[in-house]
Amino acid sequence: MTSVDLTGRVAIVTGSTSGLGARFAHVLADAGATVVVTGRRTERIAEVVEEIGRRGGTAHGVRLDVADPASVESCLTEVTERFGVPGILVNNAGIPDAQRAHKMPLELVDAVLDTNIRGPWLMATGVARRLITAELPGRIVNISSMAAYHYAGNGAALYATTKAALSRMTEALAVEWARDLINVNAIAPGVFESEMTDGMLARVGDIAPGFPRRRLGVPEQLDSTLLYLVSDASEAVTGTVIKIDDGQLPR
């Protein structure tokens, strides 16, 4: 998919200051998109923007806390006014729970729900509202997880629940916005190397030997699927969740 040309497209990637989100921002910029790097850590936003610029890409930073509705609206307004209506949204921001369900404090429950479900909903509907008003097509890619389809009872029940909701949200919004030429799809990664995964591995140890191919995924293995879903090649693909887990988990 290295031939994908996103020149002239504005793309927002939530949670793009590190991990998979940063990788997604680089991939879209390499394909020619004007990428809006977002997150809560302003110093990391600046670093990612600078890294993309050094590689010849175009990127701008906007602070965004997807758990804060005011921050979501402010981000979308700023992006639209400065760069135009975003035609690509990658809903990547998310947080784990890493606790047993019956031991989770309410504050953590709210944080996980607000970040993993309400935030992507507000971002998706905010972008779609602007696209529909401008009568423009768009591409929304939600980053779900294989946890939406397989949970082994090891302390991530709420995370799994939110990712299942995100996958269903993908299907429902795709139906609602099909007439508006807004494609909504999702990627459900298995266990990939990332900042979030590092924290899990620090708690439970190396889990790669337990997988059929005895390895974790690497972010580069998601590149082609992301580019496909935001490109013209996927014009008729909407409401689809693509599982990418290297055969790690049962179906």
Foldseek 3Di string as FASTA:
>chain_A
DLQQAPAPAEEEQEPCLWWLNVVQQLLVQSNHYAYEYEEQDPVSQVVSQVVSVVVVGHYHYDYADLLDLVRLVVVQVVCCVPRRQHQEYELEWAAFLQAQPVPGDPVSLSSRCSGLAVSVVSNVVSSVVRCLVVLHAHFYEYEAACLCVDDPRRGGVSSNVSSVVVLVVQQVVCVVCVVSNYAGEYEHEYFEDIPNNVVVCVVVNQCQCVFPVSDHHYSVVCSVVVSCRGGVVCSVDHSYYHYHYPRGDDD
